[in-house]
Amino acid sequence: MARVTVEDCIDKVENRFDLVLLASHRARMVSSGAPITIERDNDKNPVVALREIADATIPFDDLRNELVQGLQKHVEPDEPEEEEIDVLAGRELELKGAVVNEGELADAGMSIDGDDEGDEEPEADPEPGAVSEE
C-alpha cells in the first residue's frame, strides 16, 4: 500500500485549501455510496479520495462544481424560462416600433431633425422687489 502525501496531490490541485475541500467532499461522496475509481486496498475514505486526486482518476471540474452546488444555500436557475424570453423579446420589439409624433417632440422641446429648440436655459423671473441692474 503506497502512502499518499499532499505533495502527490498538490501537482493536480494548486491550492492546499482547495485540495482539502475537494478531498473531504469526495470522501463524503464515497461514504455515501459513490463508486470509487481505484482499488480500495483496505484504505479509509479520505485516503481513497486523496489517491483518486493524486492519480487524476476523477474529473476535478465536476467535483468542484458538485462541491459548490452542495455549499450553496440559494440555487438560481441557469437559464430563464422560454416564456420569459418570449415576453422580453416582445417588449423589445414594441419599443423598437414605438411611434412619436412631431407635436409631442415639440412639446418636449425637441425636433426630429436634431435641432433642439430647448437648448437655451429659460431666464428666471426677477424676484419681486428686486432692483434691476439695467
C-alpha atoms as a PDB file:
ATOM      1  CA  MET A   1       0.000   0.000   0.000  1.00  0.00           C
ATOM      2  CA  ALA A   2       1.528   3.279  -1.129  1.00  0.00           C
ATOM      3  CA  ARG A   3       1.465   6.235   1.216  1.00  0.00           C
ATOM      4  CA  VAL A   4      -0.338   9.305  -0.151  1.00  0.00           C
ATOM      5  CA  THR A   5       1.073  12.715   0.712  1.00  0.00           C
ATOM      6  CA  VAL A   6      -0.040  16.249  -0.006  1.00  0.00           C
ATOM      7  CA  GLU A   7       2.925  16.627  -2.378  1.00  0.00           C
ATOM      8  CA  ASP A   8       1.458  13.869  -4.570  1.00  0.00           C
ATOM      9  CA  CYS A   9      -1.807  15.782  -4.858  1.00  0.00           C
ATOM     10  CA  ILE A  10      -0.534  19.366  -4.991  1.00  0.00           C
ATOM     11  CA  ASP A  11       0.575  18.834  -8.600  1.00  0.00           C
ATOM     12  CA  LYS A  12      -3.057  18.281  -9.561  1.00  0.00           C
ATOM     13  CA  VAL A  13      -4.691  20.891  -7.288  1.00  0.00           C
ATOM     14  CA  GLU A  14      -2.553  24.004  -6.845  1.00  0.00           C
ATOM     15  CA  ASN A  15      -4.100  25.333  -3.639  1.00  0.00           C
ATOM     16  CA  ARG A  16      -3.844  23.243  -0.451  1.00  0.00           C
ATOM     17  CA  PHE A  17      -7.123  24.635   0.838  1.00  0.00           C
ATOM     18  CA  ASP A  18      -8.906  23.604  -2.362  1.00  0.00           C
ATOM     19  CA  LEU A  19      -7.292  20.193  -2.012  1.00  0.00           C
ATOM     20  CA  VAL A  20      -8.720  19.778   1.496  1.00  0.00           C
ATOM     21  CA  LEU A  21     -12.190  20.854   0.343  1.00  0.00           C
ATOM     22  CA  LEU A  22     -12.162  18.589  -2.714  1.00  0.00           C
ATOM     23  CA  ALA A  23     -10.771  15.576  -0.859  1.00  0.00           C
ATOM     24  CA  SER A  24     -13.246  15.909   2.002  1.00  0.00           C
ATOM     25  CA  HIS A  25     -16.140  16.314  -0.436  1.00  0.00           C
ATOM     26  CA  ARG A  26     -15.012  13.256  -2.402  1.00  0.00           C
ATOM     27  CA  ALA A  27     -14.578  11.235   0.834  1.00  0.00           C
ATOM     28  CA  ARG A  28     -18.166  12.123   1.822  1.00  0.00           C
ATOM     29  CA  MET A  29     -19.361  11.077  -1.625  1.00  0.00           C
ATOM     30  CA  VAL A  30     -17.564   7.717  -1.277  1.00  0.00           C
ATOM     31  CA  SER A  31     -19.003   7.156   2.193  1.00  0.00           C
ATOM     32  CA  SER A  32     -22.495   7.862   0.852  1.00  0.00           C
ATOM     33  CA  GLY A  33     -22.118   5.174  -1.803  1.00  0.00           C
ATOM     34  CA  ALA A  34     -20.422   6.787  -4.817  1.00  0.00           C
ATOM     35  CA  PRO A  35     -18.331   4.329  -6.829  1.00  0.00           C
ATOM     36  CA  ILE A  36     -14.566   4.602  -6.395  1.00  0.00           C
ATOM     37  CA  THR A  37     -12.219   4.722  -9.366  1.00  0.00           C
ATOM     38  CA  ILE A  38      -9.216   2.968  -7.794  1.00  0.00           C
ATOM     39  CA  GLU A  39      -8.702  -0.168  -5.703  1.00  0.00           C
ATOM     40  CA  ARG A  40      -9.532   0.389  -2.043  1.00  0.00           C
ATOM     41  CA  ASP A  41      -6.553  -1.628  -0.627  1.00  0.00           C
ATOM     42  CA  ASN A  42      -8.170  -1.533   2.833  1.00  0.00           C
ATOM     43  CA  ASP A  43      -7.855   2.289   2.905  1.00  0.00           C
ATOM     44  CA  LYS A  44     -10.310   4.610   4.562  1.00  0.00           C
ATOM     45  CA  ASN A  45     -12.429   7.041   2.528  1.00  0.00           C
ATOM     46  CA  PRO A  46     -10.195  10.153   2.954  1.00  0.00           C
ATOM     47  CA  VAL A  47      -7.158   8.179   1.776  1.00  0.00           C
ATOM     48  CA  VAL A  48      -9.132   6.800  -1.170  1.00  0.00           C
ATOM     49  CA  ALA A  49     -10.186  10.354  -2.085  1.00  0.00           C
ATOM     50  CA  LEU A  50      -6.597  11.614  -1.918  1.00  0.00           C
ATOM     51  CA  ARG A  51      -5.368   8.685  -4.020  1.00  0.00           C
ATOM     52  CA  GLU A  52      -8.053   9.412  -6.623  1.00  0.00           C
ATOM     53  CA  ILE A  53      -6.940  13.036  -6.741  1.00  0.00           C
ATOM     54  CA  ALA A  54      -3.232  12.077  -6.962  1.00  0.00           C
ATOM     55  CA  ASP A  55      -3.950   9.607  -9.786  1.00  0.00           C
ATOM     56  CA  ALA A  56      -6.313  12.089 -11.515  1.00  0.00           C
ATOM     57  CA  THR A  57      -8.966   9.408 -11.973  1.00  0.00           C
ATOM     58  CA  ILE A  58     -11.817  11.806 -11.206  1.00  0.00           C
ATOM     59  CA  PRO A  59     -12.658  14.987 -13.173  1.00  0.00           C
ATOM     60  CA  PHE A  60     -11.749  17.953 -10.968  1.00  0.00           C
ATOM     61  CA  ASP A  61     -14.138  20.405 -12.644  1.00  0.00           C
ATOM     62  CA  ASP A  62     -17.131  18.156 -11.991  1.00  0.00           C
ATOM     63  CA  LEU A  63     -16.020  17.560  -8.402  1.00  0.00           C
ATOM     64  CA  ARG A  64     -15.548  21.298  -7.831  1.00  0.00           C
ATOM     65  CA  ASN A  65     -18.969  22.102  -9.336  1.00  0.00           C
ATOM     66  CA  GLU A  66     -20.646  19.480  -7.130  1.00  0.00           C
ATOM     67  CA  LEU A  67     -18.872  20.941  -4.095  1.00  0.00           C
ATOM     68  CA  VAL A  68     -20.017  24.474  -4.897  1.00  0.00           C
ATOM     69  CA  GLN A  69     -23.596  23.351  -5.513  1.00  0.00           C
ATOM     70  CA  GLY A  70     -23.573  21.455  -2.228  1.00  0.00           C
ATOM     71  CA  LEU A  71     -22.448  24.558  -0.323  1.00  0.00           C
ATOM     72  CA  GLN A  72     -24.934  26.953  -1.938  1.00  0.00           C
ATOM     73  CA  LYS A  73     -27.947  27.875   0.122  1.00  0.00           C
ATOM     74  CA  HIS A  74     -29.920  29.505  -2.694  1.00  0.00           C
ATOM     75  CA  VAL A  75     -29.576  27.930  -6.120  1.00  0.00           C
ATOM     76  CA  GLU A  76     -30.709  30.090  -9.033  1.00  0.00           C
ATOM     77  CA  PRO A  77     -31.773  28.526 -12.318  1.00  0.00           C
ATOM     78  CA  ASP A  78     -29.151  28.724 -15.033  1.00  0.00           C
ATOM     79  CA  GLU A  79     -31.403  29.927 -17.853  1.00  0.00           C
ATOM     80  CA  PRO A  80     -34.694  31.834 -17.892  1.00  0.00           C
ATOM     81  CA  GLU A  81     -37.834  30.018 -18.933  1.00  0.00           C
ATOM     82  CA  GLU A  82     -38.891  30.157 -22.603  1.00  0.00           C
ATOM     83  CA  GLU A  83     -41.988  32.181 -21.726  1.00  0.00           C
ATOM     84  CA  GLU A  84     -39.857  34.871 -20.102  1.00  0.00           C
ATOM     85  CA  ILE A  85     -37.618  35.030 -23.171  1.00  0.00           C
ATOM     86  CA  ASP A  86     -40.654  35.450 -25.447  1.00  0.00           C
ATOM     87  CA  VAL A  87     -42.069  38.222 -23.249  1.00  0.00           C
ATOM     88  CA  LEU A  88     -38.742  40.053 -23.175  1.00  0.00           C
ATOM     89  CA  ALA A  89     -38.341  39.727 -26.942  1.00  0.00           C
ATOM     90  CA  GLY A  90     -41.871  41.035 -27.482  1.00  0.00           C
ATOM     91  CA  ARG A  91     -41.238  44.089 -25.292  1.00  0.00           C
ATOM     92  CA  GLU A  92     -38.056  44.855 -27.187  1.00  0.00           C
ATOM     93  CA  LEU A  93     -39.957  44.759 -30.473  1.00  0.00           C
ATOM     94  CA  GLU A  94     -42.662  47.019 -29.052  1.00  0.00           C
ATOM     95  CA  LEU A  95     -40.042  49.559 -28.001  1.00  0.00           C
ATOM     96  CA  LYS A  96     -38.348  49.487 -31.399  1.00  0.00           C
ATOM     97  CA  GLY A  97     -41.668  50.075 -33.141  1.00  0.00           C
ATOM     98  CA  ALA A  98     -42.741  52.985 -30.918  1.00  0.00           C
ATOM     99  CA  VAL A  99     -44.130  55.973 -32.823  1.00  0.00           C
ATOM    100  CA  VAL A 100     -43.689  59.547 -31.633  1.00  0.00           C
ATOM    101  CA  ASN A 101     -45.295  62.417 -33.491  1.00  0.00           C
ATOM    102  CA  GLU A 102     -43.680  65.819 -34.053  1.00  0.00           C
ATOM    103  CA  GLY A 103     -46.182  67.587 -31.813  1.00  0.00           C
ATOM    104  CA  GLU A 104     -45.111  65.535 -28.801  1.00  0.00           C
ATOM    105  CA  LEU A 105     -41.464  66.269 -29.604  1.00  0.00           C
ATOM    106  CA  ALA A 106     -42.153  69.997 -29.957  1.00  0.00           C
ATOM    107  CA  ASP A 107     -43.948  70.000 -26.610  1.00  0.00           C
ATOM    108  CA  ALA A 108     -40.850  68.408 -25.085  1.00  0.00           C
ATOM    109  CA  GLY A 109     -38.570  70.997 -26.738  1.00  0.00           C
ATOM    110  CA  MET A 110     -37.071  68.568 -29.276  1.00  0.00           C
ATOM    111  CA  SER A 111     -37.289  68.095 -33.009  1.00  0.00           C
ATOM    112  CA  ILE A 112     -36.760  65.225 -35.428  1.00  0.00           C
ATOM    113  CA  ASP A 113     -34.001  66.905 -37.486  1.00  0.00           C
ATOM    114  CA  GLY A 114     -31.757  67.215 -34.422  1.00  0.00           C
ATOM    115  CA  ASP A 115     -32.157  70.976 -33.854  1.00  0.00           C
ATOM    116  CA  ASP A 116     -33.377  71.102 -30.303  1.00  0.00           C
ATOM    117  CA  GLU A 117     -35.358  74.204 -29.587  1.00  0.00           C
ATOM    118  CA  GLY A 118     -34.894  73.876 -25.864  1.00  0.00           C
ATOM    119  CA  ASP A 119     -31.086  74.262 -25.781  1.00  0.00           C
ATOM    120  CA  GLU A 120     -31.187  77.670 -24.137  1.00  0.00           C
ATOM    121  CA  GLU A 121     -31.968  77.868 -20.469  1.00  0.00           C
ATOM    122  CA  PRO A 122     -35.031  79.976 -19.751  1.00  0.00           C
ATOM    123  CA  GLU A 123     -34.357  83.239 -17.952  1.00  0.00           C
ATOM    124  CA  ALA A 124     -35.573  83.282 -14.396  1.00  0.00           C
ATOM    125  CA  ASP A 125     -38.159  85.843 -13.414  1.00  0.00           C
ATOM    126  CA  PRO A 126     -36.703  88.505 -11.143  1.00  0.00           C
ATOM    127  CA  GLU A 127     -37.780  88.311  -7.559  1.00  0.00           C
ATOM    128  CA  PRO A 128     -40.476  90.777  -6.567  1.00  0.00           C
ATOM    129  CA  GLY A 129     -38.928  93.885  -5.075  1.00  0.00           C
ATOM    130  CA  ALA A 130     -35.513  93.231  -6.624  1.00  0.00           C
ATOM    131  CA  VAL A 131     -33.731  96.147  -8.285  1.00  0.00           C
ATOM    132  CA  SER A 132     -32.768  95.568 -11.893  1.00  0.00           C
ATOM    133  CA  GLU A 133     -29.223  96.406 -12.903  1.00  0.00           C
ATOM    134  CA  GLU A 134     -30.116  97.861 -16.290  1.00  0.00           C
END
